[in-house]
Amino acid sequence: MLKKLGAATLVCLSVSAAHGQQTTEVLELQEAATIIHQQVELAAIMSYAATDLAGQGYIVANESLAQAVVTHGMISDYNAAVDLVLAMDFSVAETASELFSAEYASAMLELGMSVDELADASAALMSTSVVAEMAMTADTRPEGLALQEVLSNITVTQADADAYNDALSAVSSMAQISGAFFAASQNVALTDSIDSYVAANNITIGEYTAVNFVFDTNEYLITWGGQGEGTGWTQYTNDTNMSADELYSHSQSTMYTNPVSE
C-alpha cells in the first residue's frame, strides 16, 4: 500500500544515508578496528578474572593485564585505514534494495554504539550486584562492617538510572529500525513497488534525504530531495514484527543457552 505524506508526518526514527562497499580499504579498516575491539574485550575478561582471584586472596603479578594493552601501532593502523576509507568515492543507491541495505548498515553501526553506551551506563548500576551478594552473607559483625564500608563508597543515583534508561531506550529504537531496514531490503514486493514509483515519477532514488519506519502501522516513509514531501509504503513486513514477549523468550532460549561468539 502506497500513500503520499507531508513533511510534518515524518517525525519518527531516521538514520543518515550511507552506502557500504567491500573493498581492500574497507577490509583493512575492519581488521584494524577488530584488533582494537578484541583488546578491549580481552581487558574486560582479564579484569573480571583478576577481580575474582583477588577476592579469593590470590596476588596477580605486575603488569598482568599488559596483554590487553592497545598499542601505538594499533591506533596508527586504525587511523590510517580510516583516512583511506574517508577518501573513497562511494556511489549512491540506485535501487530500493540498495537504499534499505545502506540504511541497515548505518543503523547497525548506530545500534552498536548504543549498546556500548548501555554497557557504560550499566556499570554504575552493577554495583548493586556487589551489594546484593555481600548483603546475602552479612550475618556476622565483620561482614556487616565490610558491607557498611562498601555502602559508604558506592552510590546509585537517579541520574545513573536515567542514563541507563535512556541508553536502554536507544538500543530498543535502533534495534527496531535496523531490523526494519533489513526486512525491507529483502522484501521484493516492497522494493519493486518503490522502484516502480520512482521510475514513474522521474525520481532519482539516490537523492532521498530520509528513510523512517513506524512500527504501529508497519510503514516505511521516504523523503525525496528537499521538497519535504514523503511517500509511504505500509503492511509489507508485518510478518517480521516481534513482540516484547517474543523478544524476552528469544533472549532466554537462545542467547543464554547459545551465547554469540565473536
Protein backbone atom coordinates (compact mmCIF):
# COMPACT_ATOMS: atom_id res chain seq x y z
CA MET A 1 0.00 0.00 0.00
CA LEU A 2 1.45 3.37 -1.05
CA LYS A 3 0.42 6.83 0.09
CA LYS A 4 1.68 10.42 -0.07
CA LEU A 5 2.60 12.19 3.15
CA GLY A 6 3.53 15.73 4.12
CA ALA A 7 6.79 16.68 5.80
CA ALA A 8 5.11 17.12 9.18
CA THR A 9 4.24 13.42 9.21
CA LEU A 10 7.86 12.35 9.12
CA VAL A 11 8.59 12.56 12.82
CA CYS A 12 9.70 9.00 13.58
CA LEU A 13 13.19 7.49 13.73
CA SER A 14 15.65 8.17 10.91
CA VAL A 15 19.28 7.50 10.14
CA SER A 16 21.64 9.07 7.62
CA ALA A 17 22.14 7.56 4.20
CA ALA A 18 25.32 5.58 3.76
CA HIS A 19 26.32 3.05 1.13
CA GLY A 20 28.59 0.15 2.02
CA GLN A 21 31.15 -1.33 -0.34
CA GLN A 22 33.54 -4.15 0.49
CA THR A 23 36.93 -3.10 -0.87
CA THR A 24 40.51 -3.72 0.24
CA GLU A 25 40.45 -0.41 2.11
CA VAL A 26 37.25 -1.31 3.94
CA LEU A 27 38.52 -4.77 4.80
CA GLU A 28 41.74 -3.29 6.18
CA LEU A 29 39.67 -0.90 8.29
CA GLN A 30 37.60 -3.82 9.55
CA GLU A 31 40.77 -5.68 10.52
CA ALA A 32 42.30 -2.69 12.31
CA ALA A 33 39.08 -1.94 14.18
CA THR A 34 38.62 -5.59 15.12
CA ILE A 35 42.10 -5.79 16.62
CA ILE A 36 41.37 -2.88 18.97
CA HIS A 37 37.94 -4.27 19.79
CA GLN A 38 39.49 -7.63 20.69
CA GLN A 39 41.95 -5.92 23.02
CA VAL A 40 39.13 -4.14 24.82
CA GLU A 41 37.18 -7.40 25.13
CA LEU A 42 40.29 -9.16 26.44
CA ALA A 43 40.75 -6.40 29.03
CA ALA A 44 37.19 -6.91 30.26
CA ILE A 45 37.66 -10.67 30.59
CA MET A 46 41.05 -10.40 32.29
CA SER A 47 39.83 -7.64 34.62
CA TYR A 48 36.98 -9.88 35.72
CA ALA A 49 39.41 -12.77 36.27
CA ALA A 50 41.82 -10.57 38.23
CA THR A 51 38.97 -9.32 40.42
CA ASP A 52 37.79 -12.88 41.02
CA LEU A 53 41.28 -14.01 42.01
CA ALA A 54 41.78 -11.02 44.30
CA GLY A 55 38.54 -11.90 46.03
CA GLN A 56 39.98 -15.33 46.77
CA GLY A 57 43.22 -13.94 48.16
CA TYR A 58 45.41 -14.57 45.13
CA ILE A 59 48.00 -11.93 44.17
CA VAL A 60 48.40 -11.28 40.45
CA ALA A 61 51.82 -10.39 39.06
CA ASN A 62 52.91 -6.94 37.93
CA GLU A 63 51.56 -5.91 34.53
CA SER A 64 49.32 -8.97 34.42
CA LEU A 65 46.89 -7.21 32.08
CA ALA A 66 49.57 -5.97 29.67
CA GLN A 67 48.40 -8.47 27.07
CA ALA A 68 45.28 -6.32 26.61
CA VAL A 69 47.14 -3.03 26.03
CA VAL A 70 46.14 -1.03 22.95
CA THR A 71 49.45 -0.10 21.33
CA HIS A 72 50.50 2.98 19.38
CA GLY A 73 50.83 0.79 16.29
CA MET A 74 47.22 -0.43 16.59
CA ILE A 75 45.93 3.13 16.78
CA SER A 76 48.19 4.25 13.94
CA ASP A 77 46.99 1.40 11.68
CA TYR A 78 43.38 2.16 12.53
CA ASN A 79 43.64 5.88 11.80
CA ALA A 80 45.49 5.22 8.54
CA ALA A 81 42.69 2.87 7.46
CA VAL A 82 40.09 5.45 8.48
CA ASP A 83 41.77 8.10 6.30
CA LEU A 84 41.77 5.78 3.29
CA VAL A 85 38.09 4.93 3.65
CA LEU A 86 37.11 8.56 4.19
CA ALA A 87 38.83 9.44 0.91
CA MET A 88 36.87 6.85 -1.10
CA ASP A 89 34.08 7.75 -3.51
CA PHE A 90 31.05 5.60 -2.69
CA SER A 91 28.21 5.52 -5.17
CA VAL A 92 24.67 6.41 -4.13
CA ALA A 93 21.84 3.89 -4.02
CA GLU A 94 20.32 3.09 -7.40
CA THR A 95 17.57 0.69 -6.28
CA ALA A 96 15.26 0.43 -3.30
CA SER A 97 17.08 -2.70 -2.14
CA GLU A 98 20.37 -0.79 -2.13
CA LEU A 99 18.70 2.09 -0.31
CA PHE A 100 17.47 -0.13 2.51
CA SER A 101 20.75 -2.07 2.65
CA ALA A 102 22.63 1.20 3.08
CA GLU A 103 20.25 2.35 5.80
CA TYR A 104 20.54 -1.02 7.52
CA ALA A 105 24.34 -0.78 7.60
CA SER A 106 24.15 2.72 9.05
CA ALA A 107 21.52 1.76 11.61
CA MET A 108 23.50 -1.28 12.75
CA LEU A 109 26.50 0.96 13.33
CA GLU A 110 24.39 3.25 15.49
CA LEU A 111 22.93 0.21 17.26
CA GLY A 112 26.43 -0.98 18.12
CA MET A 113 27.30 2.41 19.58
CA SER A 114 24.03 2.42 21.52
CA VAL A 115 24.86 -0.98 23.00
CA ASP A 116 28.27 0.36 24.07
CA GLU A 117 26.59 3.34 25.73
CA LEU A 118 24.21 0.97 27.53
CA ALA A 119 27.18 -1.05 28.78
CA ASP A 120 28.77 2.14 30.13
CA ALA A 121 25.54 3.25 31.77
CA SER A 122 25.04 -0.23 33.25
CA ALA A 123 28.37 -0.09 35.06
CA ALA A 124 27.08 2.43 37.61
CA LEU A 125 24.11 0.20 38.45
CA MET A 126 26.09 -3.04 38.52
CA SER A 127 27.47 -2.03 41.90
CA THR A 128 24.12 -3.18 43.27
CA SER A 129 25.13 -6.76 42.44
CA VAL A 130 28.09 -6.42 44.82
CA VAL A 131 25.78 -5.03 47.50
CA ALA A 132 23.27 -7.84 46.99
CA GLU A 133 25.97 -10.52 47.21
CA MET A 134 27.52 -9.04 50.34
CA ALA A 135 24.14 -8.47 51.99
CA MET A 136 23.22 -12.11 51.38
CA THR A 137 26.12 -13.29 53.57
CA ALA A 138 26.41 -10.38 56.02
CA ASP A 139 25.44 -12.40 59.08
CA THR A 140 28.48 -11.60 61.25
CA ARG A 141 29.87 -8.35 62.64
CA PRO A 142 32.98 -8.34 60.37
CA GLU A 143 30.82 -8.97 57.31
CA GLY A 144 28.40 -6.27 58.44
CA LEU A 145 31.26 -3.82 58.82
CA ALA A 146 32.57 -4.78 55.39
CA LEU A 147 29.10 -4.18 53.93
CA GLN A 148 28.93 -0.75 55.58
CA GLU A 149 32.33 0.11 54.13
CA VAL A 150 31.15 -0.80 50.65
CA LEU A 151 27.90 1.15 51.07
CA SER A 152 29.81 4.24 52.17
CA ASN A 153 31.83 4.14 48.95
CA ILE A 154 29.10 3.19 46.47
CA THR A 155 26.25 5.46 45.46
CA VAL A 156 23.46 4.80 42.99
CA THR A 157 21.63 7.95 41.93
CA GLN A 158 18.56 8.78 39.90
CA ALA A 159 20.91 10.30 37.33
CA ASP A 160 22.55 6.88 36.98
CA ALA A 161 19.14 5.29 36.44
CA ASP A 162 18.12 7.98 33.95
CA ALA A 163 21.32 7.46 31.91
CA TYR A 164 20.72 3.72 31.94
CA ASN A 165 17.07 4.04 30.89
CA ASP A 166 17.94 6.48 28.10
CA ALA A 167 20.60 4.11 26.78
CA LEU A 168 18.19 1.18 27.01
CA SER A 169 15.61 3.13 25.01
CA ALA A 170 18.19 3.98 22.36
CA VAL A 171 19.10 0.30 21.94
CA SER A 172 15.43 -0.60 21.63
CA SER A 173 14.83 2.06 18.97
CA MET A 174 17.92 1.29 16.92
CA ALA A 175 17.31 -2.48 17.09
CA GLN A 176 13.80 -1.91 15.78
CA ILE A 177 14.82 0.27 12.86
CA SER A 178 17.82 -1.92 11.98
CA GLY A 179 15.57 -4.96 11.73
CA ALA A 180 13.01 -2.97 9.75
CA PHE A 181 15.56 -1.86 7.16
CA PHE A 182 16.97 -5.37 6.78
CA ALA A 183 13.48 -6.83 6.37
CA ALA A 184 12.68 -4.15 3.79
CA SER A 185 15.85 -4.82 1.81
CA GLN A 186 14.80 -8.48 1.48
CA ASN A 187 11.15 -7.81 0.62
CA VAL A 188 10.88 -7.97 -3.17
CA ALA A 189 7.28 -6.75 -3.27
CA LEU A 190 8.23 -3.62 -1.34
CA THR A 191 11.43 -2.83 -3.25
CA ASP A 192 9.74 -3.45 -6.62
CA SER A 193 6.91 -1.09 -5.65
CA ILE A 194 9.38 1.65 -4.70
CA ASP A 195 11.46 1.13 -7.84
CA SER A 196 8.32 1.40 -9.97
CA TYR A 197 7.20 4.53 -8.15
CA VAL A 198 10.49 6.39 -8.60
CA ALA A 199 10.65 5.39 -12.27
CA ALA A 200 7.10 6.59 -12.94
CA ASN A 201 7.71 9.89 -11.14
CA ASN A 202 11.16 10.61 -12.58
CA ILE A 203 12.80 10.45 -9.13
CA THR A 204 16.45 9.60 -8.61
CA ILE A 205 16.34 7.13 -5.75
CA GLY A 206 19.81 8.10 -4.52
CA GLU A 207 18.55 11.61 -3.79
CA TYR A 208 16.41 10.53 -0.86
CA THR A 209 17.09 12.56 2.27
CA ALA A 210 15.47 10.42 4.97
CA VAL A 211 14.01 6.97 5.49
CA ASN A 212 11.80 6.31 8.51
CA PHE A 213 9.80 3.44 9.94
CA VAL A 214 6.62 3.42 12.07
CA PHE A 215 6.12 0.14 13.91
CA ASP A 216 2.43 0.53 14.82
CA THR A 217 1.41 0.88 11.17
CA ASN A 218 4.33 -1.07 9.68
CA GLU A 219 5.04 1.89 7.42
CA TYR A 220 8.19 2.91 5.58
CA LEU A 221 8.41 6.63 4.87
CA ILE A 222 10.84 8.04 2.32
CA THR A 223 11.53 11.75 1.82
CA TRP A 224 12.77 12.76 -1.62
CA GLY A 225 15.13 15.69 -2.19
CA GLY A 226 14.49 19.00 -0.48
CA GLN A 227 10.77 19.12 -1.20
CA GLY A 228 9.76 17.95 2.26
CA GLU A 229 7.29 15.53 0.67
CA GLY A 230 7.27 11.91 1.80
CA THR A 231 5.96 8.70 0.30
CA GLY A 232 4.82 5.82 2.49
CA TRP A 233 4.55 2.07 1.98
CA THR A 234 2.60 0.08 4.58
CA GLN A 235 1.98 -3.51 5.66
CA TYR A 236 4.81 -5.08 3.63
CA THR A 237 6.79 -6.55 6.54
CA ASN A 238 4.09 -7.32 9.10
CA ASP A 239 5.16 -10.96 9.31
CA THR A 240 8.54 -9.94 10.74
CA ASN A 241 7.12 -7.96 13.67
CA MET A 242 8.36 -9.20 17.06
CA SER A 243 6.52 -8.54 20.31
CA ALA A 244 8.25 -7.69 23.59
CA ASP A 245 7.24 -11.11 24.96
CA GLU A 246 8.74 -12.84 21.92
CA LEU A 247 11.95 -10.85 22.36
CA TYR A 248 12.18 -11.88 26.01
CA SER A 249 11.51 -15.52 25.14
CA HIS A 250 14.21 -15.39 22.44
CA SER A 251 16.70 -13.91 24.88
CA GLN A 252 16.06 -16.71 27.35
CA SER A 253 16.02 -19.64 24.94
CA THR A 254 18.75 -18.54 22.56
CA MET A 255 21.19 -16.02 23.99
CA TYR A 256 21.69 -17.71 27.36
CA THR A 257 21.88 -21.26 26.02
CA ASN A 258 23.80 -20.40 22.85
CA PRO A 259 25.84 -17.24 23.52
CA VAL A 260 27.03 -15.43 20.43
CA SER A 261 30.78 -15.77 19.98
CA GLU A 262 32.83 -13.01 18.43
